[in-house]
């Protein structure tokens, strides 16, 4: 098996839109969040986020969720909104 198959070049050019014009970083990110099948009157589909946590930190987070009667996802969403909002 050749390792070249999985090589990623260090500098990847920004993709172009259908007219051939290069997209800005903001345009690229915003278009990545909404695929063509979601266009129209439907609300945008939520984006799934995966991350790795230290087992002790996960245990603490799970205990907080149980104590407060909410899910881990609700706690994390709240923290993100508080940080960015």
N, C-alpha and C. Protein backbone atom coordinates (compact mmCIF):
# COMPACT_ATOMS: atom_id res chain seq x y z
N UNK A 1 0.85 -1.18 0.00
CA UNK A 1 0.00 0.00 0.00
C UNK A 1 0.89 1.24 0.00
N UNK A 2 0.60 2.16 -0.85
CA UNK A 2 1.39 3.38 -0.96
C UNK A 2 0.92 4.42 0.05
N UNK A 3 1.87 5.03 0.75
CA UNK A 3 1.49 6.06 1.71
C UNK A 3 1.13 7.36 1.02
N UNK A 4 1.47 7.52 -0.26
CA UNK A 4 1.15 8.74 -1.00
C UNK A 4 -0.35 8.93 -1.16
N UNK A 5 -1.10 7.85 -1.08
CA UNK A 5 -2.55 7.94 -1.23
C UNK A 5 -3.17 8.85 -0.17
N UNK A 6 -2.58 8.88 1.02
CA UNK A 6 -3.17 9.62 2.12
C UNK A 6 -2.43 10.92 2.42
N UNK A 7 -1.51 11.33 1.55
CA UNK A 7 -0.78 12.57 1.78
C UNK A 7 -1.66 13.77 1.53
N UNK A 8 -1.57 14.73 2.41
CA UNK A 8 -2.32 15.98 2.27
C UNK A 8 -1.31 17.08 2.05
N UNK A 9 -1.53 17.86 1.02
CA UNK A 9 -0.59 18.94 0.74
C UNK A 9 -0.67 19.98 1.85
N UNK A 10 0.44 20.63 2.19
CA UNK A 10 0.43 21.59 3.30
C UNK A 10 -0.37 22.84 3.02
N UNK A 11 -0.54 23.22 1.79
CA UNK A 11 -1.31 24.41 1.45
C UNK A 11 -2.41 24.02 0.49
N UNK A 12 -3.63 24.13 0.94
CA UNK A 12 -4.79 23.79 0.11
C UNK A 12 -5.44 25.08 -0.35
N UNK A 13 -5.65 25.19 -1.66
CA UNK A 13 -6.26 26.40 -2.20
C UNK A 13 -7.72 26.48 -1.79
N UNK A 14 -8.22 27.69 -1.62
CA UNK A 14 -9.62 27.92 -1.29
C UNK A 14 -10.45 27.53 -2.51
N UNK A 15 -11.51 26.73 -2.34
CA UNK A 15 -12.32 26.34 -3.48
C UNK A 15 -13.01 27.54 -4.13
N UNK A 16 -13.38 27.35 -5.39
CA UNK A 16 -14.05 28.42 -6.13
C UNK A 16 -15.54 28.16 -6.17
N UNK A 17 -16.32 29.21 -6.33
CA UNK A 17 -17.75 29.03 -6.48
C UNK A 17 -18.03 28.60 -7.93
N UNK A 18 -19.28 28.26 -8.29
CA UNK A 18 -19.58 27.77 -9.63
C UNK A 18 -19.18 28.72 -10.76
N UNK A 19 -19.07 30.00 -10.48
CA UNK A 19 -18.68 30.95 -11.53
C UNK A 19 -17.17 31.00 -11.72
N UNK A 20 -16.42 30.27 -10.87
CA UNK A 20 -14.97 30.24 -10.99
C UNK A 20 -14.28 31.25 -10.10
N UNK A 21 -15.03 32.11 -9.42
CA UNK A 21 -14.46 33.12 -8.54
C UNK A 21 -14.08 32.47 -7.21
N UNK A 22 -12.91 32.79 -6.67
CA UNK A 22 -12.48 32.24 -5.38
C UNK A 22 -13.38 32.75 -4.27
N UNK A 23 -13.67 31.87 -3.32
CA UNK A 23 -14.51 32.25 -2.18
C UNK A 23 -13.65 32.82 -1.08
N UNK A 24 -14.17 33.80 -0.35
CA UNK A 24 -13.49 34.30 0.83
C UNK A 24 -13.65 33.25 1.93
N UNK A 25 -12.86 33.37 2.98
CA UNK A 25 -12.96 32.42 4.08
C UNK A 25 -14.36 32.46 4.69
N UNK A 26 -14.93 33.64 4.86
CA UNK A 26 -16.27 33.78 5.44
C UNK A 26 -17.31 33.10 4.54
N UNK A 27 -17.22 33.29 3.23
CA UNK A 27 -18.17 32.67 2.30
C UNK A 27 -18.05 31.16 2.34
N UNK A 28 -16.81 30.66 2.40
CA UNK A 28 -16.59 29.22 2.43
C UNK A 28 -17.20 28.60 3.68
N UNK A 29 -16.96 29.22 4.85
CA UNK A 29 -17.49 28.69 6.11
C UNK A 29 -19.00 28.74 6.12
N UNK A 30 -19.59 29.85 5.68
CA UNK A 30 -21.05 29.95 5.71
C UNK A 30 -21.70 28.97 4.75
N UNK A 31 -21.09 28.72 3.61
CA UNK A 31 -21.68 27.77 2.66
C UNK A 31 -21.49 26.34 3.14
N UNK A 32 -20.45 26.07 3.92
CA UNK A 32 -20.23 24.72 4.43
C UNK A 32 -21.27 24.35 5.47
N UNK A 33 -21.82 25.35 6.17
CA UNK A 33 -22.80 25.08 7.22
C UNK A 33 -24.19 24.77 6.67
N UNK A 34 -24.45 25.13 5.45
CA UNK A 34 -25.78 24.91 4.88
C UNK A 34 -25.63 24.26 3.51
N UNK A 35 -25.92 22.96 3.44
CA UNK A 35 -25.81 22.26 2.17
C UNK A 35 -27.04 22.55 1.31
N UNK A 36 -26.92 22.28 0.03
CA UNK A 36 -28.00 22.60 -0.91
C UNK A 36 -29.33 21.95 -0.52
N UNK A 37 -29.30 20.74 0.04
CA UNK A 37 -30.55 20.07 0.40
C UNK A 37 -31.27 20.79 1.53
N UNK A 38 -30.60 21.67 2.24
CA UNK A 38 -31.21 22.40 3.34
C UNK A 38 -31.71 23.77 2.92
N UNK A 39 -31.42 24.16 1.69
CA UNK A 39 -31.84 25.48 1.22
C UNK A 39 -33.37 25.55 1.18
N UNK A 40 -33.90 26.71 1.33
CA UNK A 40 -35.35 26.88 1.29
C UNK A 40 -35.90 27.28 2.63
N UNK A 41 -37.10 26.84 2.91
CA UNK A 41 -37.79 27.30 4.12
C UNK A 41 -37.49 26.44 5.35
N UNK A 42 -36.79 25.31 5.18
CA UNK A 42 -36.48 24.47 6.34
C UNK A 42 -35.42 25.11 7.21
N UNK A 43 -35.53 24.94 8.53
CA UNK A 43 -34.48 25.49 9.41
C UNK A 43 -33.18 24.72 9.20
N UNK A 44 -32.03 25.35 9.42
CA UNK A 44 -30.76 24.65 9.22
C UNK A 44 -30.61 23.48 10.18
N UNK A 45 -29.99 22.42 9.70
CA UNK A 45 -29.76 21.23 10.49
C UNK A 45 -28.63 21.50 11.49
N UNK A 46 -28.76 21.09 12.75
CA UNK A 46 -27.69 21.30 13.72
C UNK A 46 -26.40 20.60 13.30
N UNK A 47 -25.27 21.17 13.67
CA UNK A 47 -23.96 20.61 13.38
C UNK A 47 -23.51 19.78 14.58
N UNK A 48 -23.04 18.55 14.33
CA UNK A 48 -22.57 17.69 15.41
C UNK A 48 -21.12 18.02 15.72
N UNK A 49 -20.79 18.08 17.01
CA UNK A 49 -19.45 18.38 17.48
C UNK A 49 -18.95 17.22 18.32
N UNK A 50 -17.76 16.72 18.00
CA UNK A 50 -17.15 15.64 18.79
C UNK A 50 -15.86 16.17 19.40
N UNK A 51 -15.61 15.84 20.65
CA UNK A 51 -14.36 16.23 21.28
C UNK A 51 -13.95 15.20 22.31
N UNK A 52 -12.67 15.16 22.62
CA UNK A 52 -12.13 14.23 23.60
C UNK A 52 -11.97 14.95 24.93
N UNK A 53 -12.37 14.27 26.00
CA UNK A 53 -12.24 14.82 27.35
C UNK A 53 -11.45 13.85 28.22
N UNK A 54 -10.75 14.39 29.17
CA UNK A 54 -10.10 13.58 30.19
C UNK A 54 -11.20 12.84 30.96
N UNK A 55 -11.01 11.57 31.27
CA UNK A 55 -12.06 10.81 31.98
C UNK A 55 -12.53 11.46 33.28
N UNK A 56 -11.62 12.06 34.04
CA UNK A 56 -12.03 12.71 35.29
C UNK A 56 -12.90 13.93 35.02
N UNK A 57 -12.54 14.70 33.99
CA UNK A 57 -13.34 15.87 33.62
C UNK A 57 -14.72 15.44 33.13
N UNK A 58 -14.78 14.35 32.36
CA UNK A 58 -16.07 13.83 31.89
C UNK A 58 -16.94 13.40 33.06
N UNK A 59 -16.32 12.74 34.03
CA UNK A 59 -17.06 12.29 35.22
C UNK A 59 -17.64 13.48 35.97
N UNK A 60 -16.85 14.54 36.13
CA UNK A 60 -17.33 15.75 36.80
C UNK A 60 -18.48 16.39 36.03
N UNK A 61 -18.34 16.43 34.71
CA UNK A 61 -19.38 17.01 33.86
C UNK A 61 -20.66 16.19 33.96
N UNK A 62 -20.54 14.88 33.97
CA UNK A 62 -21.71 14.01 34.07
C UNK A 62 -22.39 14.17 35.43
N UNK A 63 -21.59 14.28 36.48
CA UNK A 63 -22.16 14.49 37.81
C UNK A 63 -22.91 15.82 37.88
N UNK A 64 -22.35 16.87 37.29
CA UNK A 64 -23.02 18.18 37.28
C UNK A 64 -24.35 18.07 36.53
N UNK A 65 -24.36 17.33 35.43
CA UNK A 65 -25.59 17.16 34.66
C UNK A 65 -26.66 16.46 35.50
N UNK A 66 -26.27 15.43 36.22
CA UNK A 66 -27.21 14.69 37.07
C UNK A 66 -27.72 15.60 38.20
N UNK A 67 -26.81 16.32 38.82
CA UNK A 67 -27.18 17.21 39.94
C UNK A 67 -28.16 18.30 39.51
N UNK A 68 -27.98 18.82 38.30
CA UNK A 68 -28.82 19.93 37.84
C UNK A 68 -30.01 19.47 37.01
N UNK A 69 -30.07 18.17 36.71
CA UNK A 69 -31.21 17.64 35.96
C UNK A 69 -31.23 18.02 34.48
N UNK A 70 -30.06 18.24 33.91
CA UNK A 70 -29.96 18.54 32.49
C UNK A 70 -28.99 17.56 31.84
N UNK A 71 -28.90 17.60 30.52
CA UNK A 71 -27.98 16.72 29.82
C UNK A 71 -26.61 17.37 29.71
N UNK A 72 -25.60 16.55 29.45
CA UNK A 72 -24.25 17.07 29.21
C UNK A 72 -24.29 18.02 28.02
N UNK A 73 -25.02 17.66 26.98
CA UNK A 73 -25.11 18.50 25.78
C UNK A 73 -25.67 19.88 26.12
N UNK A 74 -26.68 19.93 26.99
CA UNK A 74 -27.26 21.22 27.38
C UNK A 74 -26.24 22.07 28.13
N UNK A 75 -25.46 21.44 29.00
CA UNK A 75 -24.43 22.18 29.73
C UNK A 75 -23.39 22.75 28.76
N UNK A 76 -22.92 21.91 27.85
CA UNK A 76 -21.88 22.34 26.90
C UNK A 76 -22.42 23.44 25.99
N UNK A 77 -23.64 23.28 25.49
CA UNK A 77 -24.24 24.34 24.65
C UNK A 77 -24.32 25.66 25.42
N UNK A 78 -24.74 25.59 26.68
CA UNK A 78 -24.83 26.79 27.50
C UNK A 78 -23.47 27.45 27.70
N UNK A 79 -22.44 26.65 27.92
CA UNK A 79 -21.09 27.19 28.09
C UNK A 79 -20.60 27.87 26.81
N UNK A 80 -20.90 27.26 25.67
CA UNK A 80 -20.49 27.84 24.40
C UNK A 80 -21.21 29.16 24.16
N UNK A 81 -22.52 29.18 24.41
CA UNK A 81 -23.29 30.43 24.23
C UNK A 81 -22.76 31.51 25.16
N UNK A 82 -22.49 31.15 26.40
CA UNK A 82 -21.96 32.13 27.36
C UNK A 82 -20.61 32.67 26.91
N UNK A 83 -19.76 31.80 26.38
CA UNK A 83 -18.42 32.21 25.94
C UNK A 83 -18.48 33.10 24.69
N UNK A 84 -19.35 32.75 23.76
CA UNK A 84 -19.42 33.48 22.49
C UNK A 84 -20.47 34.57 22.47
N UNK A 85 -21.44 34.49 23.35
CA UNK A 85 -22.55 35.42 23.34
C UNK A 85 -22.20 36.70 23.96
